[in-house]
C-alpha atoms as a PDB file:
ATOM      1  CA  MET A   1     -12.790  20.581  10.477  1.00  0.00           C
ATOM      2  CA  ASP A   2     -12.574  16.643  10.808  1.00  0.00           C
ATOM      3  CA  GLU A   3      -9.631  14.017  11.525  1.00  0.00           C
ATOM      4  CA  PRO A   4      -9.174  11.899   8.996  1.00  0.00           C
ATOM      5  CA  ILE A   5      -9.809   8.109  11.129  1.00  0.00           C
ATOM      6  CA  ALA A   6      -6.759   6.109  11.031  1.00  0.00           C
ATOM      7  CA  PHE A   7      -6.105   2.704  10.914  1.00  0.00           C
ATOM      8  CA  ASN A   8      -6.152   0.966  14.072  1.00  0.00           C
ATOM      9  CA  PRO A   9      -3.658  -2.201  14.332  1.00  0.00           C
ATOM     10  CA  ASP A  10      -5.611  -2.919  17.681  1.00  0.00           C
ATOM     11  CA  ALA A  11      -8.915  -3.383  15.112  1.00  0.00           C
ATOM     12  CA  SER A  12     -10.435  -5.452  12.881  1.00  0.00           C
ATOM     13  CA  TYR A  13     -11.756  -4.602   9.362  1.00  0.00           C
ATOM     14  CA  GLU A  14     -13.491  -5.816   6.825  1.00  0.00           C
ATOM     15  CA  VAL A  15     -11.320  -5.124   3.411  1.00  0.00           C
ATOM     16  CA  ARG A  16     -13.845  -4.439   1.033  1.00  0.00           C
ATOM     17  CA  TYR A  17     -13.431  -3.646  -3.261  1.00  0.00           C
ATOM     18  CA  ASN A  18     -16.128  -2.026  -5.282  1.00  0.00           C
ATOM     19  CA  GLY A  19     -18.143  -3.039  -1.965  1.00  0.00           C
ATOM     20  CA  VAL A  20     -17.324  -6.233  -1.884  1.00  0.00           C
ATOM     21  CA  ARG A  21     -15.136  -8.127   0.885  1.00  0.00           C
ATOM     22  CA  PHE A  22     -13.305 -10.950   0.198  1.00  0.00           C
ATOM     23  CA  ALA A  23     -10.207 -10.547   3.529  1.00  0.00           C
ATOM     24  CA  GLU A  24     -10.389  -9.258   7.050  1.00  0.00           C
ATOM     25  CA  ILE A  25      -7.575  -7.580   9.015  1.00  0.00           C
ATOM     26  CA  HIS A  26      -7.304  -8.479  12.888  1.00  0.00           C
ATOM     27  CA  LYS A  27      -4.600  -6.988  15.281  1.00  0.00           C
ATOM     28  CA  GLY A  28      -2.556  -5.938  11.783  1.00  0.00           C
ATOM     29  CA  LEU A  29      -2.692  -9.765  10.987  1.00  0.00           C
ATOM     30  CA  PHE A  30      -4.160  -9.807   6.694  1.00  0.00           C
ATOM     31  CA  TYR A  31      -6.679 -13.256   6.498  1.00  0.00           C
ATOM     32  CA  GLU A  32      -8.176 -14.246   3.500  1.00  0.00           C
ATOM     33  CA  GLY A  33      -9.790 -17.050   1.793  1.00  0.00           C
ATOM     34  CA  LYS A  34     -12.482 -17.879   1.971  1.00  0.00           C
ATOM     35  CA  ASP A  35     -13.533 -18.371   5.436  1.00  0.00           C
ATOM     36  CA  ARG A  36     -11.263 -15.512   5.738  1.00  0.00           C
ATOM     37  CA  ASP A  37      -9.065 -17.411   7.826  1.00  0.00           C
ATOM     38  CA  LEU A  38      -5.251 -18.128   6.252  1.00  0.00           C
ATOM     39  CA  ASN A  39      -3.258 -15.895   7.041  1.00  0.00           C
ATOM     40  CA  THR A  40      -1.161 -14.233   3.827  1.00  0.00           C
ATOM     41  CA  GLY A  41       0.209 -11.148   5.542  1.00  0.00           C
ATOM     42  CA  GLU A  42       0.693  -8.520   7.928  1.00  0.00           C
ATOM     43  CA  ILE A  43       0.618  -4.300   8.315  1.00  0.00           C
ATOM     44  CA  LEU A  44       3.776  -2.957   9.402  1.00  0.00           C
ATOM     45  CA  ASP A  45       5.116   0.247   9.656  1.00  0.00           C
ATOM     46  CA  GLY A  46       1.844   1.681   7.405  1.00  0.00           C
ATOM     47  CA  LYS A  47       2.765  -1.199   5.011  1.00  0.00           C
ATOM     48  CA  LEU A  48       0.691  -4.545   4.139  1.00  0.00           C
ATOM     49  CA  PHE A  49       2.931  -6.807   3.296  1.00  0.00           C
ATOM     50  CA  ILE A  50       1.714  -9.948   1.940  1.00  0.00           C
ATOM     51  CA  ASN A  51       3.965 -13.366   1.942  1.00  0.00           C
ATOM     52  CA  GLY A  52       6.906 -10.843   3.066  1.00  0.00           C
ATOM     53  CA  THR A  53       6.362  -8.575  -0.159  1.00  0.00           C
ATOM     54  CA  PRO A  54       5.287  -4.828   0.020  1.00  0.00           C
ATOM     55  CA  VAL A  55       2.425  -4.861  -1.800  1.00  0.00           C
ATOM     56  CA  GLY A  56       0.159  -1.345  -0.036  1.00  0.00           C
ATOM     57  CA  ILE A  57       0.485   1.645   1.755  1.00  0.00           C
ATOM     58  CA  VAL A  58      -1.603   2.004   4.510  1.00  0.00           C
ATOM     59  CA  SER A  59      -3.356   5.708   4.460  1.00  0.00           C
ATOM     60  CA  GLY A  60      -6.137   5.713   7.296  1.00  0.00           C
ATOM     61  CA  LEU A  61      -8.936   3.570   6.201  1.00  0.00           C
ATOM     62  CA  THR A  62      -7.728   2.419   2.399  1.00  0.00           C
ATOM     63  CA  ILE A  63      -5.475   0.338   1.547  1.00  0.00           C
ATOM     64  CA  THR A  64      -3.154   0.875  -2.351  1.00  0.00           C
ATOM     65  CA  ARG A  65      -2.108  -1.474  -3.980  1.00  0.00           C
ATOM     66  CA  VAL A  66       1.351  -0.568  -5.063  1.00  0.00           C
ATOM     67  CA  ASN A  67       2.242  -2.310  -8.538  1.00  0.00           C
ATOM     68  CA  ASP A  68      -0.712  -0.453  -9.823  1.00  0.00           C
ATOM     69  CA  SER A  69      -2.451   1.828  -7.315  1.00  0.00           C
ATOM     70  CA  THR A  70      -5.850  -0.133  -7.262  1.00  0.00           C
ATOM     71  CA  ASP A  71      -7.474   1.300  -3.778  1.00  0.00           C
ATOM     72  CA  PHE A  72      -9.385  -0.877  -1.413  1.00  0.00           C
ATOM     73  CA  GLU A  73     -11.307   0.079   1.933  1.00  0.00           C
ATOM     74  CA  LEU A  74     -11.274  -0.551   4.882  1.00  0.00           C
ATOM     75  CA  HIS A  75     -14.517  -1.379   6.807  1.00  0.00           C
ATOM     76  CA  PRO A  76     -15.037  -1.720  10.742  1.00  0.00           C
ATOM     77  CA  ILE A  77     -15.943  -4.745  12.624  1.00  0.00           C
ATOM     78  CA  LEU A  78     -18.017  -3.542  15.562  1.00  0.00           C
END
């Protein structure tokens, strides 16, 4: 059986919802904005924090938002 792909805190990812990129993660830091240049959060201990508030859980290459269980896909940036 294949091992699930794990989130690598040293890597870079596009964050997508319904196939549309709206954010990026670089070395565990979460970036939003038109040019993905506004650092609004970070991933620590398997959780996504935005402005210091835990808002999501990281499992493999998926972030699940805690308030409504919406899933966001992480796509490695090579």
